[in-house]
Protein backbone atom coordinates (compact mmCIF):
# COMPACT_ATOMS: atom_id res chain seq x y z
CA MET A 1 20.84 -25.36 -6.14
CA ASN A 2 18.65 -22.77 -4.05
CA VAL A 3 18.03 -19.99 -6.06
CA ILE A 4 16.81 -15.85 -4.85
CA LEU A 5 16.23 -13.70 -6.77
CA TYR A 6 16.35 -10.28 -6.81
CA ASP A 7 14.81 -6.96 -8.84
CA ALA A 8 17.59 -5.55 -10.53
CA LEU A 9 16.09 -1.96 -10.03
CA ILE A 10 17.06 -2.10 -6.12
CA PRO A 11 19.85 -0.20 -6.30
CA GLY A 12 22.94 -1.93 -4.79
CA MET A 13 21.13 -5.53 -3.66
CA ASN A 14 23.45 -7.39 -6.34
CA ILE A 15 26.64 -6.14 -4.22
CA LEU A 16 24.29 -7.05 -0.52
CA LEU A 17 23.80 -10.32 -1.95
CA GLU A 18 27.55 -10.66 -2.93
CA SER A 19 28.01 -12.56 0.44
CA LEU A 20 25.71 -15.54 -0.13
CA ALA A 21 26.97 -16.40 -3.83
CA SER A 22 28.87 -19.61 -2.25
CA ARG A 23 24.82 -20.34 -0.85
CA TYR A 24 22.57 -19.67 -3.23
CA SER A 25 22.47 -18.59 -6.93
CA LEU A 26 21.04 -15.73 -7.04
CA GLY A 27 18.79 -14.21 -10.25
CA VAL A 28 17.42 -10.65 -11.29
CA LEU A 29 13.34 -11.54 -10.82
CA PRO A 30 11.86 -12.08 -14.41
CA GLU A 31 10.16 -8.41 -15.28
CA THR A 32 7.05 -9.67 -17.27
CA GLN A 33 4.82 -12.89 -17.36
CA GLN A 34 5.76 -14.31 -20.02
CA ALA A 35 9.43 -14.48 -18.68
CA LEU A 36 8.22 -15.01 -15.19
CA GLN A 37 6.19 -17.84 -16.71
CA ALA A 38 9.16 -19.39 -18.90
CA TYR A 39 11.68 -19.05 -16.27
CA GLU A 40 12.44 -23.16 -15.02
CA ALA A 41 13.95 -22.73 -11.40
CA LYS A 42 11.31 -21.96 -10.28
CA ASN A 43 11.32 -24.75 -7.69
CA ASP A 44 14.12 -24.13 -6.26
CA VAL A 45 13.88 -20.30 -5.40
CA LYS A 46 13.58 -19.83 -1.26
CA ALA A 47 13.87 -15.88 -1.75
CA ILE A 48 12.50 -12.81 -3.55
CA PHE A 49 13.42 -9.39 -2.93
CA VAL A 50 10.34 -7.30 -4.51
CA ARG A 51 9.84 -3.84 -5.02
CA SER A 52 6.50 -2.02 -4.88
CA THR A 53 6.13 -2.52 -8.73
CA THR A 54 5.60 -5.81 -7.93
CA LYS A 55 2.41 -7.50 -6.39
CA VAL A 56 2.92 -10.11 -4.44
CA ASN A 57 -0.42 -12.58 -4.60
CA ASP A 58 -1.42 -15.69 -5.31
CA ALA A 59 -1.17 -16.06 -8.84
CA PHE A 60 2.75 -14.08 -8.35
CA LEU A 61 3.13 -17.05 -5.27
CA SER A 62 1.63 -19.53 -7.22
CA HIS A 63 4.93 -19.84 -9.76
CA PHE A 64 7.09 -20.04 -7.03
CA PRO A 65 6.11 -23.11 -4.87
CA ASN A 66 8.62 -23.35 -2.01
CA VAL A 67 9.80 -19.65 -1.36
CA LYS A 68 10.37 -19.01 2.48
CA PHE A 69 11.50 -15.14 2.39
CA ILE A 70 9.82 -12.52 0.58
CA ALA A 71 11.10 -8.61 0.97
CA THR A 72 10.03 -5.49 -0.27
CA ALA A 73 13.11 -3.05 -0.36
CA THR A 74 10.40 -0.56 -0.13
CA SER A 75 8.59 1.36 2.32
CA GLY A 76 4.95 0.08 2.11
CA THR A 77 2.62 -3.04 2.22
CA ASP A 78 -0.49 -2.09 -0.39
CA HIS A 79 1.55 -4.70 -2.60
CA LEU A 80 1.84 -7.41 -0.81
CA ASP A 81 -0.86 -10.25 -0.40
CA ILE A 82 -0.34 -10.56 3.81
CA ALA A 83 -3.24 -13.51 4.53
CA ALA A 84 -1.62 -15.46 1.11
CA LEU A 85 1.89 -14.92 1.97
CA GLU A 86 0.97 -15.67 5.91
CA ALA A 87 -1.32 -18.74 4.75
CA ARG A 88 1.72 -20.15 2.47
CA GLY A 89 3.90 -19.87 5.84
CA ILE A 90 6.37 -16.96 4.32
CA PHE A 91 8.28 -14.79 6.32
CA TRP A 92 8.04 -11.30 4.92
CA MET A 93 8.65 -8.52 5.66
CA ASP A 94 9.15 -4.75 4.14
CA ALA A 95 11.73 -1.69 4.73
CA LYS A 96 10.00 0.21 7.62
CA GLY A 97 11.21 3.81 7.79
CA SER A 98 14.51 3.54 4.95
CA ASN A 99 12.06 6.55 2.79
CA ALA A 100 10.80 8.59 5.83
CA LYS A 101 14.05 11.09 5.72
CA ALA A 102 13.14 11.34 1.72
CA VAL A 103 9.65 12.39 2.03
CA GLY A 104 9.94 15.05 5.00
CA ASP A 105 13.28 16.67 3.12
CA TYR A 106 10.66 15.94 -0.49
CA VAL A 107 8.36 18.51 1.69
CA ALA A 108 10.81 21.09 2.98
CA TYR A 109 11.88 21.43 -0.75
CA MET A 110 8.05 22.21 -2.25
CA LEU A 111 8.03 24.99 0.79
CA MET A 112 11.07 26.82 -0.45
CA LEU A 113 9.51 26.80 -3.71
CA LEU A 114 6.62 27.76 -2.97
CA ASN A 115 7.74 30.74 -0.46
CA GLN A 116 10.61 31.39 -3.91
CA GLN A 117 7.03 31.31 -6.11
CA LYS A 118 5.66 33.45 -3.53
CA GLN A 119 2.48 31.02 -3.33
CA ILE A 120 2.46 30.72 0.64
CA ARG A 121 1.39 32.88 3.30
CA LEU A 122 1.91 31.04 6.70
CA GLU A 123 2.11 33.94 9.27
CA SER A 124 -1.13 32.91 11.37
CA GLY A 125 -3.09 29.71 10.94
CA LYS A 126 -1.88 26.02 11.35
CA ALA A 127 0.16 23.50 9.61
CA VAL A 128 -0.77 20.40 10.28
CA VAL A 129 0.70 16.78 10.32
CA VAL A 130 -1.72 13.95 8.80
CA GLY A 131 -0.40 11.13 9.83
CA TYR A 132 2.34 10.59 12.69
CA GLY A 133 4.45 7.73 11.65
CA CYS A 134 8.23 7.30 10.74
CA VAL A 135 7.28 9.23 7.41
CA GLY A 136 5.64 12.29 9.84
CA HIS A 137 7.88 12.60 12.53
CA GLU A 138 10.46 13.20 9.69
CA VAL A 139 7.94 16.09 8.26
CA LYS A 140 7.15 17.66 11.37
CA ALA A 141 10.73 18.00 11.93
CA ASN A 142 11.46 19.53 9.01
CA LEU A 143 8.79 21.53 9.30
CA ALA A 144 10.74 22.34 12.50
CA GLN A 145 14.02 23.66 11.10
CA LEU A 146 11.87 25.84 8.56
CA GLY A 147 10.52 27.80 11.78
CA LEU A 148 7.61 26.10 11.69
CA ASN A 149 5.59 25.08 14.96
CA ALA A 150 3.15 21.78 13.18
CA HIS A 151 0.70 19.83 15.19
CA TRP A 152 -0.12 16.20 14.22
CA VAL A 153 -3.10 14.11 14.38
CA ASP A 154 -2.54 10.17 14.31
CA PRO A 155 -6.33 8.61 16.10
CA PHE A 156 -3.86 5.12 15.95
CA LEU A 157 -1.76 6.37 18.78
CA SER A 158 -2.86 5.23 22.25
CA ASP A 159 -3.33 7.59 24.38
CA GLU A 160 0.52 6.55 26.02
CA GLN A 161 2.68 7.23 23.03
CA PHE A 162 1.04 10.60 23.16
CA ASP A 163 1.82 11.37 26.82
CA SER A 164 6.10 10.57 25.25
CA ILE A 165 5.71 12.60 22.17
CA GLU A 166 4.82 15.65 22.97
CA ALA A 167 1.46 15.20 23.82
CA GLN A 168 0.65 19.71 23.29
CA VAL A 169 0.06 19.84 19.17
CA ARG A 170 -2.19 16.36 19.47
CA LEU A 171 -5.50 17.25 17.59
CA ASP A 172 -8.62 14.69 17.91
CA LEU A 173 -10.79 13.41 15.15
CA ASP A 174 -14.33 14.55 15.92
CA SER A 175 -16.85 12.10 13.38
CA LYS A 176 -17.64 14.14 11.03
CA CYS A 177 -15.48 17.11 10.12
CA GLU A 178 -12.59 17.92 12.15
CA SER A 179 -12.87 21.62 13.77
CA TRP A 180 -9.51 22.26 13.11
CA LEU A 181 -9.45 22.53 9.09
CA SER A 182 -10.36 25.81 9.72
CA GLU A 183 -7.84 27.28 10.65
CA THR A 184 -4.67 25.19 9.17
CA SER A 185 -2.65 26.79 6.23
CA LEU A 186 -0.20 23.93 5.56
CA LEU A 187 -2.07 19.89 5.15
CA CYS A 188 0.64 17.63 4.73
CA ILE A 189 -0.86 14.77 4.40
CA HIS A 190 1.00 10.70 5.28
CA THR A 191 -1.04 7.90 6.22
CA PRO A 192 -1.15 4.43 5.16
CA LEU A 193 -4.10 3.98 2.38
CA ARG A 194 -6.79 2.00 4.71
CA LYS A 195 -9.81 0.66 3.70
CA GLU A 196 -11.24 -0.94 7.37
CA GLU A 197 -13.07 1.19 9.87
CA PRO A 198 -13.07 2.54 11.96
CA TRP A 199 -10.48 5.68 11.13
CA SER A 200 -10.19 4.70 7.11
CA THR A 201 -8.41 6.83 4.70
CA TYR A 202 -9.85 5.70 2.12
CA GLN A 203 -10.60 9.78 0.14
CA TRP A 204 -9.99 11.16 3.77
CA LEU A 205 -9.19 14.58 2.17
CA ASN A 206 -13.16 14.70 0.64
CA GLU A 207 -15.32 17.39 0.21
CA GLU A 208 -16.19 18.49 3.16
CA ARG A 209 -13.15 18.97 4.54
CA LEU A 210 -11.87 20.32 2.09
CA ALA A 211 -14.52 23.16 1.69
CA ALA A 212 -13.46 23.99 5.55
CA LEU A 213 -10.38 24.28 4.61
CA PRO A 214 -9.35 28.71 4.38
CA ASP A 215 -8.64 30.37 1.06
CA GLY A 216 -4.87 29.76 -0.21
CA ALA A 217 -4.62 26.83 1.91
CA VAL A 218 -1.29 24.62 1.19
CA ILE A 219 -2.17 21.14 0.37
CA ILE A 220 0.93 18.62 0.42
CA ALA A 221 -0.28 15.04 -0.46
CA ALA A 222 3.24 12.62 -0.97
CA GLY A 223 1.35 9.38 1.18
CA ARG A 224 -0.66 7.61 -1.22
CA GLY A 225 -3.27 8.97 -4.01
CA GLU A 226 -6.79 6.37 -3.09
CA VAL A 227 -6.62 8.91 0.71
CA LEU A 228 -7.40 12.39 -1.72
CA ASP A 229 -10.83 12.32 -3.80
CA GLN A 230 -9.83 13.84 -7.33
CA ASP A 231 -13.23 15.44 -8.04
CA ALA A 232 -12.98 17.38 -4.41
CA LEU A 233 -10.02 18.48 -5.06
CA LEU A 234 -11.50 19.90 -8.95
CA ASN A 235 -13.89 21.30 -6.85
CA HIS A 236 -11.35 23.56 -4.82
CA ALA A 237 -9.03 24.19 -7.13
CA HIS A 238 -9.49 27.77 -7.38
CA ARG A 239 -8.84 28.24 -4.09
CA LEU A 240 -6.52 25.63 -2.35
CA THR A 241 -2.65 25.53 -3.05
CA TYR A 242 -2.02 21.83 -4.41
CA VAL A 243 1.40 19.78 -4.44
CA LEU A 244 1.06 16.25 -5.78
CA ASP A 245 3.72 13.13 -5.12
CA VAL A 246 0.62 10.87 -5.26
CA TRP A 247 -2.53 10.97 -7.55
CA PRO A 248 -6.25 9.36 -7.00
CA LEU A 249 -5.82 7.32 -10.24
CA GLU A 250 -2.39 6.76 -9.49
CA PRO A 251 -0.30 6.11 -12.01
CA ASN A 252 -3.09 7.75 -14.78
CA ILE A 253 -3.58 11.50 -14.03
CA VAL A 254 -6.45 13.42 -15.93
CA PHE A 255 -5.70 16.67 -17.51
CA SER A 256 -7.47 18.99 -15.31
CA LEU A 257 -5.71 17.58 -12.11
CA LEU A 258 -2.35 17.80 -13.43
CA ASP A 259 -2.67 21.54 -14.69
CA ARG A 260 -4.26 22.93 -11.87
CA ALA A 261 -1.34 21.44 -9.29
CA ALA A 262 0.81 23.97 -8.11
CA TYR A 263 3.78 21.39 -8.62
CA ALA A 264 3.08 18.06 -9.72
CA THR A 265 5.63 14.93 -9.31
CA PRO A 266 5.56 11.10 -10.10
CA HIS A 267 5.65 9.45 -6.51
CA ILE A 268 9.31 10.06 -6.46
CA ALA A 269 8.91 11.98 -2.70
CA GLY A 270 10.69 8.86 -1.14
CA HIS A 271 13.82 8.11 -3.61
CA SER A 272 16.34 9.47 -2.15
CA LYS A 273 19.71 8.22 -3.02
CA LEU A 274 20.12 7.36 0.76
CA GLY A 275 16.86 6.71 1.24
CA LYS A 276 17.11 3.75 -1.73
CA LEU A 277 20.30 2.26 0.06
CA LYS A 278 18.46 2.68 3.14
CA GLY A 279 15.55 0.07 2.18
CA SER A 280 17.86 -2.59 0.73
CA TRP A 281 20.58 -2.70 3.31
CA GLN A 282 17.46 -3.23 5.30
CA VAL A 283 16.03 -6.00 3.41
CA VAL A 284 18.56 -7.92 3.26
CA GLU A 285 20.31 -7.38 6.89
CA GLY A 286 16.53 -9.10 7.66
CA PHE A 287 17.19 -11.83 5.51
CA MET A 288 21.05 -11.99 7.05
CA SER A 289 19.43 -12.18 10.26
CA TRP A 290 15.73 -15.01 9.45
CA ALA A 291 18.35 -17.15 7.88
CA GLU A 292 20.78 -16.72 10.78
CA TYR A 293 23.65 -15.65 9.02
CA ASP A 294 26.77 -13.36 9.13
CA PHE A 295 26.59 -10.25 6.96
CA PRO A 296 30.91 -9.91 5.89
CA LEU A 297 29.56 -6.29 5.00
CA HIS A 298 29.62 -2.93 6.89
CA LYS A 299 27.09 -0.33 6.18
CA GLN A 300 29.69 2.60 6.35
CA ASP A 301 31.47 0.55 3.95
CA PHE A 302 28.43 -0.13 1.77
CA PHE A 303 27.16 3.37 1.64
CA ALA A 304 30.40 5.15 0.37
CA ASP A 305 31.05 3.39 -1.79
CA MET A 306 27.54 3.16 -3.47
CA LEU A 307 27.80 7.20 -2.64
CA LYS A 308 30.92 8.00 -4.31
CA ASN A 309 30.42 11.35 -6.85
CA HIS A 310 27.26 11.33 -6.06
CA HIS A 311 25.02 13.81 -3.59
CA GLY A 312 23.66 11.79 -1.08
CA THR A 313 23.53 14.58 1.42
CA ILE A 314 23.39 18.79 1.11
CA GLN A 315 23.70 21.64 3.67
CA LEU A 316 20.65 23.27 4.25
CA PRO A 317 20.87 26.09 6.80
CA LYS A 318 17.98 26.27 9.90
CA VAL A 319 15.12 29.01 9.12
CA GLN A 320 14.81 30.01 13.01
CA SER A 321 12.37 33.29 12.30
CA GLY A 322 9.38 31.41 9.68
CA LEU A 323 9.65 30.43 6.61
CA SER A 324 7.33 33.23 4.72
CA ALA A 325 10.36 35.99 6.76
CA SER A 326 13.08 34.15 5.59
CA SER A 327 12.86 34.38 1.68
CA GLU A 328 16.54 35.70 1.61
CA VAL A 329 18.22 33.34 3.65
CA LEU A 330 15.77 29.76 1.88
CA ASN A 331 16.77 31.44 -1.77
CA GLN A 332 19.88 30.98 -0.42
CA SER A 333 18.82 27.44 0.25
CA LEU A 334 17.30 27.19 -3.19
CA VAL A 335 20.03 28.13 -5.04
CA ALA A 336 22.52 25.29 -3.16
CA VAL A 337 19.64 22.61 -4.34
CA ALA A 338 20.65 23.50 -7.90
CA SER A 339 24.29 23.32 -7.45
CA SER A 340 23.88 20.22 -6.92
CA ALA A 341 22.36 18.99 -10.43
CA PHE A 342 19.38 19.45 -8.29
CA ASP A 343 15.72 21.07 -9.74
CA PHE A 344 12.46 19.75 -9.36
CA ASN A 345 10.80 22.32 -11.76
CA ALA A 346 12.50 20.43 -14.17
CA ILE A 347 10.34 17.19 -12.92
CA ASP A 348 7.09 19.64 -12.82
CA LYS A 349 8.57 20.75 -16.13
CA ASN A 350 9.43 17.19 -17.49
CA LEU A 351 6.24 15.53 -16.28
CA ARG A 352 3.44 17.70 -17.13
CA ALA A 353 4.93 17.52 -20.85
CA ALA A 354 5.16 13.81 -21.09
CA ILE A 355 1.37 14.14 -19.76
CA HIS A 356 0.31 16.28 -22.13
CA GLN A 357 2.08 14.79 -24.97
CA SER A 358 0.14 10.93 -24.22
CA CYS A 359 -3.88 9.98 -25.17
CA ASP A 360 -5.83 10.04 -21.91
CA ASP A 361 -6.10 6.15 -21.98
CA ASP A 362 -1.95 5.76 -21.74
CA THR A 363 -0.84 8.90 -18.73
CA GLY A 364 -0.18 5.31 -17.12
CA LEU A 365 2.45 4.54 -19.18
CA SER A 366 4.14 7.86 -19.11
CA PHE A 367 3.70 8.71 -15.34
CA LYS A 368 5.97 5.46 -15.13
CA ALA A 369 8.89 6.35 -17.67
CA GLU A 370 8.78 9.90 -15.41
CA ARG A 371 9.05 8.07 -12.29
CA LYS A 372 11.60 5.60 -13.50
CA LYS A 373 13.80 8.46 -14.52
CA TYR A 374 14.68 10.63 -11.96
CA PRO A 375 17.47 11.53 -10.67
CA GLN A 376 16.81 10.83 -6.66
CA HIS A 377 16.62 13.94 -4.69
CA PRO A 378 19.77 14.76 -1.76
CA GLU A 379 18.86 14.11 2.11
CA ILE A 380 18.50 17.54 3.95
CA GLU A 381 21.34 17.87 6.75
CA TRP A 382 20.61 21.16 8.61
CA GLN A 383 23.02 23.92 9.86
C-alpha cells in the first residue's frame, strides 16, 4: 500500500490526513538518521510532509526513490534543495504566507513591550520595513494600528507593483549604504536569505548600515539570522536597541550578543497557534489538489476544533496618536495579553537562563529545546 509520512509535530496533520486512510498507509516520519535507515517501507512512500527542521536534500531523498510529493508546513524553503527535488520530478510546495500574521503580531507585541519599558522613542524618524512580501505587509499593517506610518523597501518589486501598493512610501536602495538609514528610528527586517547577486541579503545588516543608524534606533530581526552580521551587531550594541528572534549563528548563540539584546526569543515569531494550523491546512489542501482528491473537511470546523480551549486570537485596541504617546492604552493592551496566559517576558527570561546554563559548544541544543517548548502566541484582532 502507498504510504504518506508526516512530521508528528505538525499541528493537526493526523486529523487532516485521516480522510486518506483508505488510500494510503499513514505514518510518522522517522526522526533520526538511524531510524530513517531502518524504516522498511521506503519504496512505498509517495508523499512526505515536513517542518523546517528537516533538511530535504539528496541524502534525504535517496531514502525514498518513489516519492512524488513533498511539502513543508512552514513558510520558507531554506531547508529544501529545490534543484534536487525538481531533478527528480518531485512536486514540492511550502505554506507561503501562513505565518505572516504571526510575525506581524510578534513585532507589535515587542514594540508594546519596549514602549512599556521606555526603551523606544518614535516621535521623530522613520519606521522602515525591509522586505515587503507577505510578512512585510502584515508588519506594516500592524505598525499602522500602533499609530506609525511605516515606510518599506523591497528591490524585488517591479515599478508596476509599486503603483498598486502605495508607491508613496517607496524607498530606493542605492548601491552602497542607503541614505535613509540615518533617519530611521525603527528598522524591521523580514527578508528571505538570498546569497545571489544582485540584492544578496546575506549579512545585509553589516557594519556600514549599522553605523548609519542614529543612536537609539531599534532593530527587530524576525526573518533569517544570516541576514545579520554578528560582529557588527556587537560593535553597535552600546547605542542601538536589538530585538532578536533570529541569530547570525543559529541555533548557536554567543553569550555576548544575547546579553546585549533588549529582547531575545528562539526563532518563534511565526509560531502562533493559528499560523501553525494555517500551514497544516495549506499543504494538505495543496496535496488534495495535486492528487485530484475531494477534501471532505471544512476549514472553519477544523480550526474551531483545534482551537477549542485555546486562545487563538486576542482583541487589542487600535492606537491612533502614535506609539510613544499612548502608554496608557498600550499598557492596557499588555494587561490583556498577560490575561490570555501569554508572557513574552517569560519567554525571554527562559531563553537567557537556558543559554547561560549551557556550555559554549551546546547552546544550540538549549535554543532548540526552548523553541520546542514555546506555547505559541495568540494572533491580534485590532478593535
